[in-house]
Amino acid sequence: MKPDNETGSDFSKEKASFVDLLTANYYRIHAFVLSMVPNDADADDIMQETATLMWKNFDRFEPGTNFVAWAVTIAKFQVMRFQKDRSRSRIVLSEKTHDLLIEDNKHLEHQMQARFQALQKCIKHLPQKDQEFLQLRYSQGASAKTVARLIGASVGAVYRHGSRLMDLLLRCIRQTLACDEL
């Protein structure tokens, strides 16, 4: 990805591309690491090392290929290195166990994808006003106080409305997934 005569613009585009891909897939990669290293702090450290290594090697990533698969491969080796470094004081998983966890992670990833698709479908069935509420409160991260001020409601009403929408969406997701299994 980095040509020899790289300009600042090319570098900025590459940096933006990397940031976009990492941001869009961070939780999937982190979930994989967490499935291999159940300690949150260790998983966070490994994710930092993985992200750094991914950035250093981003010129080896082929655009249009599976970024998550590429990232998980790097993460797998970071986990193995981490566990090797800690092997003197902890139980280390065998490569076969690692492979089984990876397969289990693929199944979990498929389930998460199905749930996410069901959520998107359920949100589309909500009235526009509720979709805008969800966008403001959860996608944009606006505080309950800010949302209350914008829509002319009390903070308590914002929390209650958000809770009702979450319950409604949860029921819809469960129904959608149950119908998809039939």
N, C-alpha and C. Protein backbone atom coordinates (compact mmCIF):
# COMPACT_ATOMS: atom_id res chain seq x y z
N MET A 1 0.80 -1.20 0.00
CA MET A 1 0.00 0.00 0.00
C MET A 1 0.84 1.27 0.00
N LYS A 2 2.07 1.21 0.47
CA LYS A 2 2.89 2.40 0.54
C LYS A 2 3.83 2.45 -0.66
N PRO A 3 3.54 3.26 -1.67
CA PRO A 3 4.45 3.38 -2.79
C PRO A 3 5.72 4.11 -2.36
N ASP A 4 6.80 3.88 -3.14
CA ASP A 4 8.08 4.50 -2.81
C ASP A 4 7.98 6.02 -2.84
N ASN A 5 7.20 6.55 -3.77
CA ASN A 5 7.08 8.00 -3.88
C ASN A 5 5.83 8.51 -3.17
N GLU A 6 5.63 7.98 -1.99
CA GLU A 6 4.42 8.27 -1.21
C GLU A 6 4.34 9.75 -0.86
N THR A 7 3.16 10.30 -1.08
CA THR A 7 2.93 11.69 -0.71
C THR A 7 2.20 11.72 0.61
N GLY A 8 2.12 12.91 1.19
CA GLY A 8 1.38 13.05 2.44
C GLY A 8 -0.07 12.67 2.26
N SER A 9 -0.63 12.96 1.08
CA SER A 9 -2.02 12.63 0.79
C SER A 9 -2.23 11.12 0.76
N ASP A 10 -1.30 10.39 0.11
CA ASP A 10 -1.39 8.92 0.07
C ASP A 10 -1.34 8.35 1.48
N PHE A 11 -0.43 8.89 2.29
CA PHE A 11 -0.28 8.42 3.65
C PHE A 11 -1.55 8.71 4.45
N SER A 12 -2.13 9.88 4.26
CA SER A 12 -3.37 10.23 4.96
C SER A 12 -4.50 9.31 4.57
N LYS A 13 -4.59 8.97 3.29
CA LYS A 13 -5.64 8.05 2.83
C LYS A 13 -5.45 6.67 3.43
N GLU A 14 -4.19 6.21 3.46
CA GLU A 14 -3.90 4.90 4.04
C GLU A 14 -4.22 4.90 5.52
N LYS A 15 -3.84 5.96 6.21
CA LYS A 15 -4.11 6.08 7.64
C LYS A 15 -5.62 6.07 7.89
N ALA A 16 -6.36 6.82 7.10
CA ALA A 16 -7.82 6.87 7.24
C ALA A 16 -8.43 5.51 6.96
N SER A 17 -7.92 4.82 5.94
CA SER A 17 -8.44 3.49 5.61
C SER A 17 -8.21 2.53 6.76
N PHE A 18 -7.01 2.56 7.34
CA PHE A 18 -6.70 1.69 8.47
C PHE A 18 -7.60 2.01 9.65
N VAL A 19 -7.73 3.28 9.98
CA VAL A 19 -8.56 3.69 11.12
C VAL A 19 -10.00 3.26 10.89
N ASP A 20 -10.52 3.44 9.68
CA ASP A 20 -11.90 3.04 9.38
C ASP A 20 -12.09 1.54 9.57
N LEU A 21 -11.17 0.75 9.02
CA LEU A 21 -11.28 -0.70 9.13
C LEU A 21 -11.15 -1.16 10.58
N LEU A 22 -10.19 -0.61 11.30
CA LEU A 22 -10.00 -1.01 12.69
C LEU A 22 -11.19 -0.59 13.54
N THR A 23 -11.69 0.61 13.33
CA THR A 23 -12.84 1.09 14.10
C THR A 23 -14.07 0.23 13.85
N ALA A 24 -14.32 -0.10 12.59
CA ALA A 24 -15.50 -0.89 12.24
C ALA A 24 -15.43 -2.32 12.77
N ASN A 25 -14.21 -2.83 12.97
CA ASN A 25 -14.06 -4.24 13.34
C ASN A 25 -13.40 -4.45 14.69
N TYR A 26 -13.16 -3.38 15.43
CA TYR A 26 -12.43 -3.48 16.70
C TYR A 26 -13.07 -4.49 17.66
N TYR A 27 -14.39 -4.40 17.84
CA TYR A 27 -15.04 -5.26 18.83
C TYR A 27 -14.99 -6.73 18.43
N ARG A 28 -15.02 -7.01 17.14
CA ARG A 28 -14.92 -8.40 16.69
C ARG A 28 -13.53 -8.95 16.98
N ILE A 29 -12.51 -8.16 16.73
CA ILE A 29 -11.14 -8.59 16.99
C ILE A 29 -10.92 -8.71 18.50
N HIS A 30 -11.42 -7.73 19.25
CA HIS A 30 -11.28 -7.76 20.71
C HIS A 30 -12.01 -8.97 21.30
N ALA A 31 -13.18 -9.29 20.76
CA ALA A 31 -13.93 -10.46 21.24
C ALA A 31 -13.11 -11.73 21.02
N PHE A 32 -12.44 -11.81 19.88
CA PHE A 32 -11.58 -12.96 19.63
C PHE A 32 -10.47 -13.04 20.67
N VAL A 33 -9.78 -11.93 20.90
CA VAL A 33 -8.68 -11.91 21.87
C VAL A 33 -9.21 -12.27 23.25
N LEU A 34 -10.34 -11.72 23.62
CA LEU A 34 -10.93 -11.99 24.93
C LEU A 34 -11.33 -13.45 25.07
N SER A 35 -11.70 -14.10 23.97
CA SER A 35 -12.04 -15.52 24.04
C SER A 35 -10.80 -16.38 24.26
N MET A 36 -9.64 -15.83 23.91
CA MET A 36 -8.38 -16.56 24.08
C MET A 36 -7.69 -16.22 25.41
N VAL A 37 -7.90 -15.00 25.88
CA VAL A 37 -7.28 -14.52 27.11
C VAL A 37 -8.38 -13.88 27.94
N PRO A 38 -8.96 -14.62 28.87
CA PRO A 38 -10.15 -14.13 29.56
C PRO A 38 -9.94 -12.95 30.52
N ASN A 39 -8.73 -12.51 30.72
CA ASN A 39 -8.47 -11.37 31.59
C ASN A 39 -8.58 -10.09 30.76
N ASP A 40 -9.48 -9.19 31.16
CA ASP A 40 -9.72 -7.95 30.40
C ASP A 40 -8.46 -7.12 30.20
N ALA A 41 -7.69 -6.95 31.25
CA ALA A 41 -6.48 -6.12 31.15
C ALA A 41 -5.48 -6.73 30.18
N ASP A 42 -5.29 -8.05 30.26
CA ASP A 42 -4.38 -8.73 29.33
C ASP A 42 -4.89 -8.61 27.90
N ALA A 43 -6.20 -8.78 27.72
CA ALA A 43 -6.79 -8.68 26.38
C ALA A 43 -6.59 -7.27 25.82
N ASP A 44 -6.76 -6.26 26.66
CA ASP A 44 -6.55 -4.88 26.21
C ASP A 44 -5.10 -4.65 25.80
N ASP A 45 -4.16 -5.18 26.60
CA ASP A 45 -2.74 -5.06 26.25
C ASP A 45 -2.44 -5.73 24.92
N ILE A 46 -2.98 -6.91 24.73
CA ILE A 46 -2.77 -7.65 23.48
C ILE A 46 -3.39 -6.90 22.31
N MET A 47 -4.56 -6.30 22.53
CA MET A 47 -5.20 -5.52 21.46
C MET A 47 -4.34 -4.32 21.07
N GLN A 48 -3.73 -3.67 22.05
CA GLN A 48 -2.85 -2.54 21.73
C GLN A 48 -1.66 -3.00 20.90
N GLU A 49 -1.06 -4.11 21.32
CA GLU A 49 0.08 -4.65 20.58
C GLU A 49 -0.36 -5.09 19.18
N THR A 50 -1.53 -5.70 19.10
CA THR A 50 -2.05 -6.16 17.81
C THR A 50 -2.31 -4.98 16.88
N ALA A 51 -2.94 -3.94 17.40
CA ALA A 51 -3.23 -2.76 16.57
C ALA A 51 -1.93 -2.11 16.08
N THR A 52 -0.94 -2.04 16.95
CA THR A 52 0.35 -1.48 16.55
C THR A 52 0.99 -2.32 15.46
N LEU A 53 0.98 -3.62 15.63
CA LEU A 53 1.55 -4.52 14.63
C LEU A 53 0.76 -4.46 13.32
N MET A 54 -0.55 -4.35 13.42
CA MET A 54 -1.38 -4.23 12.22
C MET A 54 -1.01 -2.96 11.46
N TRP A 55 -0.83 -1.87 12.19
CA TRP A 55 -0.47 -0.61 11.54
C TRP A 55 0.88 -0.72 10.84
N LYS A 56 1.86 -1.32 11.55
CA LYS A 56 3.19 -1.47 10.97
C LYS A 56 3.18 -2.34 9.71
N ASN A 57 2.23 -3.29 9.66
CA ASN A 57 2.17 -4.22 8.53
C ASN A 57 1.00 -3.95 7.60
N PHE A 58 0.36 -2.79 7.73
CA PHE A 58 -0.83 -2.51 6.92
C PHE A 58 -0.52 -2.50 5.43
N ASP A 59 0.73 -2.22 5.07
CA ASP A 59 1.09 -2.25 3.66
C ASP A 59 1.02 -3.66 3.08
N ARG A 60 0.98 -4.67 3.94
CA ARG A 60 0.86 -6.06 3.49
C ARG A 60 -0.60 -6.51 3.35
N PHE A 61 -1.51 -5.72 3.90
CA PHE A 61 -2.94 -6.06 3.78
C PHE A 61 -3.40 -5.76 2.37
N GLU A 62 -4.12 -6.72 1.78
CA GLU A 62 -4.64 -6.56 0.43
C GLU A 62 -6.04 -5.96 0.50
N PRO A 63 -6.23 -4.73 0.02
CA PRO A 63 -7.57 -4.13 0.02
C PRO A 63 -8.57 -5.04 -0.70
N GLY A 64 -9.75 -5.13 -0.14
CA GLY A 64 -10.79 -5.97 -0.73
C GLY A 64 -10.83 -7.37 -0.14
N THR A 65 -9.79 -7.74 0.64
CA THR A 65 -9.81 -9.04 1.30
C THR A 65 -10.40 -8.87 2.70
N ASN A 66 -10.51 -9.96 3.43
CA ASN A 66 -11.16 -9.97 4.73
C ASN A 66 -10.24 -9.36 5.80
N PHE A 67 -10.52 -8.13 6.18
CA PHE A 67 -9.71 -7.43 7.18
C PHE A 67 -9.75 -8.16 8.52
N VAL A 68 -10.93 -8.64 8.92
CA VAL A 68 -11.06 -9.31 10.22
C VAL A 68 -10.20 -10.57 10.26
N ALA A 69 -10.23 -11.36 9.19
CA ALA A 69 -9.42 -12.58 9.14
C ALA A 69 -7.93 -12.22 9.26
N TRP A 70 -7.51 -11.19 8.56
CA TRP A 70 -6.12 -10.74 8.61
C TRP A 70 -5.78 -10.29 10.04
N ALA A 71 -6.65 -9.49 10.63
CA ALA A 71 -6.42 -8.97 11.98
C ALA A 71 -6.42 -10.08 13.02
N VAL A 72 -7.34 -11.03 12.90
CA VAL A 72 -7.42 -12.13 13.85
C VAL A 72 -6.17 -13.01 13.76
N THR A 73 -5.63 -13.17 12.57
CA THR A 73 -4.39 -13.94 12.42
C THR A 73 -3.26 -13.26 13.19
N ILE A 74 -3.16 -11.96 13.05
CA ILE A 74 -2.14 -11.22 13.80
C ILE A 74 -2.41 -11.32 15.29
N ALA A 75 -3.67 -11.18 15.68
CA ALA A 75 -4.03 -11.27 17.10
C ALA A 75 -3.72 -12.65 17.66
N LYS A 76 -3.96 -13.69 16.87
CA LYS A 76 -3.68 -15.06 17.32
C LYS A 76 -2.21 -15.21 17.68
N PHE A 77 -1.34 -14.70 16.82
CA PHE A 77 0.09 -14.80 17.11
C PHE A 77 0.49 -13.93 18.29
N GLN A 78 -0.16 -12.81 18.48
CA GLN A 78 0.11 -11.97 19.64
C GLN A 78 -0.33 -12.69 20.92
N VAL A 79 -1.47 -13.37 20.87
CA VAL A 79 -1.95 -14.13 22.03
C VAL A 79 -0.97 -15.25 22.35
N MET A 80 -0.54 -15.97 21.31
CA MET A 80 0.40 -17.07 21.52
C MET A 80 1.72 -16.55 22.11
N ARG A 81 2.20 -15.41 21.62
CA ARG A 81 3.43 -14.83 22.15
C ARG A 81 3.22 -14.43 23.61
N PHE A 82 2.08 -13.82 23.89
CA PHE A 82 1.75 -13.41 25.25
C PHE A 82 1.74 -14.63 26.18
N GLN A 83 1.08 -15.69 25.74
CA GLN A 83 0.99 -16.87 26.60
C GLN A 83 2.34 -17.56 26.75
N LYS A 84 3.15 -17.52 25.73
CA LYS A 84 4.49 -18.08 25.84
C LYS A 84 5.31 -17.30 26.86
N ASP A 85 5.18 -15.97 26.81
CA ASP A 85 5.90 -15.13 27.77
C ASP A 85 5.44 -15.39 29.20
N ARG A 86 4.20 -15.75 29.35
CA ARG A 86 3.64 -15.99 30.69
C ARG A 86 3.65 -17.47 31.08
N SER A 87 4.20 -18.32 30.25
CA SER A 87 4.09 -19.77 30.46
C SER A 87 4.75 -20.24 31.74
N ARG A 88 5.69 -19.51 32.26
CA ARG A 88 6.37 -19.95 33.48
C ARG A 88 5.44 -19.93 34.69
N SER A 89 4.48 -19.04 34.67
CA SER A 89 3.63 -18.90 35.86
C SER A 89 2.17 -19.25 35.62
N ARG A 90 1.81 -19.57 34.39
CA ARG A 90 0.41 -19.84 34.11
C ARG A 90 0.26 -21.07 33.22
N ILE A 91 -0.95 -21.58 33.19
CA ILE A 91 -1.27 -22.68 32.30
C ILE A 91 -1.40 -22.12 30.89
N VAL A 92 -0.77 -22.78 29.93
CA VAL A 92 -0.80 -22.33 28.55
C VAL A 92 -1.65 -23.29 27.73
N LEU A 93 -2.47 -22.75 26.87
CA LEU A 93 -3.32 -23.57 26.02
C LEU A 93 -2.52 -24.12 24.86
N SER A 94 -2.83 -25.35 24.49
CA SER A 94 -2.15 -25.97 23.35
C SER A 94 -2.64 -25.33 22.05
N GLU A 95 -1.91 -25.58 20.97
CA GLU A 95 -2.32 -25.05 19.67
C GLU A 95 -3.67 -25.63 19.25
N LYS A 96 -3.90 -26.90 19.60
CA LYS A 96 -5.19 -27.54 19.27
C LYS A 96 -6.32 -26.82 20.01
N THR A 97 -6.09 -26.49 21.27
CA THR A 97 -7.10 -25.77 22.04
C THR A 97 -7.33 -24.38 21.44
N HIS A 98 -6.24 -23.74 21.03
CA HIS A 98 -6.37 -22.44 20.34
C HIS A 98 -7.26 -22.58 19.12
N ASP A 99 -7.01 -23.62 18.32
CA ASP A 99 -7.79 -23.83 17.10
C ASP A 99 -9.26 -24.08 17.41
N LEU A 100 -9.53 -24.83 18.49
CA LEU A 100 -10.92 -25.07 18.90
C LEU A 100 -11.59 -23.77 19.33
N LEU A 101 -10.85 -22.94 20.05
CA LEU A 101 -11.40 -21.65 20.46
C LEU A 101 -11.67 -20.75 19.26
N ILE A 102 -10.80 -20.83 18.27
CA ILE A 102 -11.00 -20.04 17.05
C ILE A 102 -12.27 -20.49 16.34
N GLU A 103 -12.48 -21.80 16.24
CA GLU A 103 -13.70 -22.32 15.61
C GLU A 103 -14.93 -21.88 16.39
N ASP A 104 -14.84 -21.95 17.72
CA ASP A 104 -15.96 -21.51 18.55
C ASP A 104 -16.20 -20.02 18.36
N ASN A 105 -15.14 -19.26 18.23
CA ASN A 105 -15.25 -17.82 18.00
C ASN A 105 -15.93 -17.53 16.67
N LYS A 106 -15.64 -18.33 15.65
CA LYS A 106 -16.29 -18.14 14.35
C LYS A 106 -17.79 -18.34 14.48
N HIS A 107 -18.19 -19.35 15.28
CA HIS A 107 -19.61 -19.61 15.51
C HIS A 107 -20.23 -18.42 16.25
N LEU A 108 -19.54 -17.93 17.26
CA LEU A 108 -20.05 -16.78 18.01
C LEU A 108 -20.13 -15.54 17.12
N GLU A 109 -19.15 -15.38 16.24
CA GLU A 109 -19.16 -14.24 15.33
C GLU A 109 -20.37 -14.32 14.40
N HIS A 110 -20.69 -15.53 13.94
CA HIS A 110 -21.87 -15.71 13.08
C HIS A 110 -23.14 -15.34 13.86
N GLN A 111 -23.22 -15.77 15.11
CA GLN A 111 -24.38 -15.43 15.94
C GLN A 111 -24.48 -13.92 16.16
N MET A 112 -23.35 -13.29 16.42
CA MET A 112 -23.35 -11.84 16.63
C MET A 112 -23.80 -11.12 15.37
N GLN A 113 -23.34 -11.60 14.22
CA GLN A 113 -23.73 -10.99 12.94
C GLN A 113 -25.23 -11.13 12.72
N ALA A 114 -25.78 -12.32 13.02
CA ALA A 114 -27.22 -12.55 12.87
C ALA A 114 -28.00 -11.62 13.80
N ARG A 115 -27.54 -11.45 15.02
CA ARG A 115 -28.21 -10.57 15.97
C ARG A 115 -28.15 -9.11 15.52
N PHE A 116 -27.00 -8.73 14.99
CA PHE A 116 -26.84 -7.36 14.51
C PHE A 116 -27.78 -7.10 13.33
N GLN A 117 -27.88 -8.05 12.42
CA GLN A 117 -28.78 -7.90 11.27
C GLN A 117 -30.23 -7.84 11.74
N ALA A 118 -30.57 -8.67 12.73
CA ALA A 118 -31.93 -8.63 13.28
C ALA A 118 -32.20 -7.28 13.93
N LEU A 119 -31.22 -6.75 14.65
CA LEU A 119 -31.36 -5.43 15.28
C LEU A 119 -31.61 -4.36 14.22
N GLN A 120 -30.83 -4.37 13.16
CA GLN A 120 -31.02 -3.38 12.09
C GLN A 120 -32.42 -3.49 11.49
N LYS A 121 -32.87 -4.71 11.28
CA LYS A 121 -34.21 -4.94 10.73
C LYS A 121 -35.28 -4.40 11.68
N CYS A 122 -35.11 -4.67 12.97
CA CYS A 122 -36.08 -4.22 13.96
C CYS A 122 -36.10 -2.70 14.08
N ILE A 123 -34.95 -2.08 14.01
CA ILE A 123 -34.88 -0.62 14.09
C ILE A 123 -35.62 0.00 12.91
N LYS A 124 -35.50 -0.60 11.73
CA LYS A 124 -36.18 -0.07 10.54
C LYS A 124 -37.69 -0.09 10.69
N HIS A 125 -38.21 -0.99 11.54
CA HIS A 125 -39.66 -1.09 11.74
C HIS A 125 -40.17 -0.09 12.78
N LEU A 126 -39.27 0.57 13.48
CA LEU A 126 -39.68 1.57 14.47
C LEU A 126 -40.13 2.85 13.77
N PRO A 127 -40.99 3.61 14.42
CA PRO A 127 -41.35 4.93 13.88
C PRO A 127 -40.10 5.80 13.75
N GLN A 128 -40.11 6.71 12.80
CA GLN A 128 -38.97 7.58 12.53
C GLN A 128 -38.51 8.32 13.78
N LYS A 129 -39.45 8.77 14.59
CA LYS A 129 -39.13 9.51 15.82
C LYS A 129 -38.28 8.65 16.77
N ASP A 130 -38.64 7.36 16.89
CA ASP A 130 -37.87 6.46 17.75
C ASP A 130 -36.50 6.15 17.15
N GLN A 131 -36.43 6.03 15.83
CA GLN A 131 -35.14 5.82 15.18
C GLN A 131 -34.21 7.00 15.44
N GLU A 132 -34.76 8.20 15.35
CA GLU A 132 -33.97 9.40 15.61
C GLU A 132 -33.52 9.46 17.06
N PHE A 133 -34.40 9.05 17.98
CA PHE A 133 -34.04 9.00 19.40
C PHE A 133 -32.85 8.06 19.61
N LEU A 134 -32.94 6.85 19.03
CA LEU A 134 -31.85 5.87 19.17
C LEU A 134 -30.55 6.40 18.57
N GLN A 135 -30.67 7.02 17.41
CA GLN A 135 -29.48 7.58 16.74
C GLN A 135 -28.81 8.62 17.63
N LEU A 136 -29.60 9.51 18.16
CA LEU A 136 -29.08 10.58 19.00
C LEU A 136 -28.49 10.04 20.30
N ARG A 137 -29.25 9.21 20.98
CA ARG A 137 -28.87 8.74 22.31
C ARG A 137 -27.73 7.73 22.27
N TYR A 138 -27.79 6.77 21.34
CA TYR A 138 -26.84 5.67 21.38
C TYR A 138 -25.77 5.75 20.29
N SER A 139 -26.12 6.07 19.07
CA SER A 139 -25.11 6.15 18.01
C SER A 139 -24.22 7.37 18.18
N GLN A 140 -24.84 8.50 18.50
CA GLN A 140 -24.07 9.74 18.67
C GLN A 140 -23.58 9.91 20.09
N GLY A 141 -24.12 9.11 21.02
CA GLY A 141 -23.65 9.14 22.40
C GLY A 141 -24.09 10.35 23.20
N ALA A 142 -25.18 10.97 22.80
CA ALA A 142 -25.67 12.14 23.53
C ALA A 142 -26.14 11.71 24.92
N SER A 143 -25.86 12.53 25.90
CA SER A 143 -26.28 12.23 27.27
C SER A 143 -27.80 12.32 27.37
N ALA A 144 -28.34 11.68 28.41
CA ALA A 144 -29.79 11.74 28.64
C ALA A 144 -30.22 13.19 28.85
N LYS A 145 -29.38 13.96 29.52
CA LYS A 145 -29.69 15.37 29.77
C LYS A 145 -29.77 16.15 28.46
N THR A 146 -28.84 15.89 27.56
CA THR A 146 -28.83 16.57 26.26
C THR A 146 -30.06 16.19 25.44
N VAL A 147 -30.37 14.89 25.41
CA VAL A 147 -31.55 14.42 24.66
C VAL A 147 -32.81 15.04 25.25
N ALA A 148 -32.89 15.06 26.58
CA ALA A 148 -34.07 15.64 27.24
C ALA A 148 -34.26 17.10 26.82
N ARG A 149 -33.17 17.84 26.80
CA ARG A 149 -33.24 19.25 26.41
C ARG A 149 -33.68 19.39 24.95
N LEU A 150 -33.14 18.54 24.08
CA LEU A 150 -33.45 18.63 22.65
C LEU A 150 -34.89 18.26 22.32
N ILE A 151 -35.43 17.28 23.05
CA ILE A 151 -36.80 16.84 22.73
C ILE A 151 -37.85 17.43 23.66
N GLY A 152 -37.40 18.21 24.63
CA GLY A 152 -38.35 18.86 25.54
C GLY A 152 -38.99 17.89 26.51
N ALA A 153 -38.19 16.99 27.07
CA ALA A 153 -38.70 16.01 28.03
C ALA A 153 -37.79 16.01 29.26
N SER A 154 -38.23 15.31 30.29
CA SER A 154 -37.39 15.19 31.49
C SER A 154 -36.34 14.11 31.26
N VAL A 155 -35.29 14.17 32.05
CA VAL A 155 -34.24 13.15 31.96
C VAL A 155 -34.82 11.78 32.27
N GLY A 156 -35.70 11.72 33.26
CA GLY A 156 -36.35 10.45 33.61
C GLY A 156 -37.15 9.89 32.45
N ALA A 157 -37.83 10.77 31.72
CA ALA A 157 -38.61 10.33 30.56
C ALA A 157 -37.69 9.77 29.47
N VAL A 158 -36.53 10.37 29.31
CA VAL A 158 -35.56 9.87 28.32
C VAL A 158 -35.10 8.47 28.71
N TYR A 159 -34.77 8.27 29.99
CA TYR A 159 -34.35 6.95 30.45
C TYR A 159 -35.47 5.92 30.26
N ARG A 160 -36.71 6.30 30.61
CA ARG A 160 -37.83 5.37 30.48
C ARG A 160 -38.07 5.02 29.01
N HIS A 161 -38.03 6.03 28.15
CA HIS A 161 -38.26 5.80 26.72
C HIS A 161 -37.15 4.90 26.15
N GLY A 162 -35.92 5.17 26.53
CA GLY A 162 -34.80 4.33 26.08
C GLY A 162 -34.96 2.90 26.55
N SER A 163 -35.38 2.73 27.79
CA SER A 163 -35.58 1.39 28.34
C SER A 163 -36.70 0.66 27.61
N ARG A 164 -37.80 1.37 27.33
CA ARG A 164 -38.91 0.75 26.59
C ARG A 164 -38.47 0.34 25.19
N LEU A 165 -37.71 1.20 24.54
CA LEU A 165 -37.22 0.87 23.19
C LEU A 165 -36.28 -0.34 23.23
N MET A 166 -35.42 -0.40 24.24
CA MET A 166 -34.51 -1.54 24.36
C MET A 166 -35.30 -2.84 24.56
N ASP A 167 -36.32 -2.79 25.42
CA ASP A 167 -37.16 -3.98 25.63
C ASP A 167 -37.86 -4.38 24.34
N LEU A 168 -38.40 -3.41 23.64
CA LEU A 168 -39.09 -3.67 22.38
C LEU A 168 -38.14 -4.28 21.35
N LEU A 169 -36.96 -3.70 21.24
CA LEU A 169 -35.97 -4.22 20.28
C LEU A 169 -35.51 -5.62 20.66
N LEU A 170 -35.32 -5.87 21.95
CA LEU A 170 -34.90 -7.20 22.39
C LEU A 170 -35.94 -8.26 22.02
N ARG A 171 -37.22 -7.94 22.25
CA ARG A 171 -38.29 -8.88 21.88
C ARG A 171 -38.31 -9.09 20.37
N CYS A 172 -38.17 -8.02 19.62
CA CYS A 172 -38.17 -8.10 18.16
C CYS A 172 -37.00 -8.95 17.66
N ILE A 173 -35.81 -8.74 18.23
CA ILE A 173 -34.63 -9.51 17.83
C ILE A 173 -34.86 -10.99 18.10
N ARG A 174 -35.38 -11.30 19.28
CA ARG A 174 -35.64 -12.71 19.61
C ARG A 174 -36.63 -13.33 18.65
N GLN A 175 -37.70 -12.60 18.32
CA GLN A 175 -38.69 -13.11 17.37
C GLN A 175 -38.09 -13.29 15.99
N THR A 176 -37.31 -12.33 15.56
CA THR A 176 -36.68 -12.40 14.23
C THR A 176 -35.75 -13.60 14.14
N LEU A 177 -34.93 -13.79 15.17
CA LEU A 177 -34.00 -14.92 15.16
C LEU A 177 -34.74 -16.25 15.23
N ALA A 178 -35.83 -16.29 16.01
CA ALA A 178 -36.62 -17.52 16.10
C ALA A 178 -37.25 -17.85 14.75
N CYS A 179 -37.74 -16.85 14.05
CA CYS A 179 -38.34 -17.07 12.73
C CYS A 179 -37.28 -17.50 11.72
N ASP A 180 -36.08 -16.95 11.82
CA ASP A 180 -35.00 -17.31 10.90
C ASP A 180 -34.54 -18.75 11.09
N GLU A 181 -34.69 -19.28 12.32
CA GLU A 181 -34.27 -20.65 12.60
C GLU A 181 -35.23 -21.67 12.01
N LEU A 182 -36.48 -21.26 11.75
CA LEU A 182 -37.48 -22.20 11.23
C LEU A 182 -37.24 -22.56 9.82
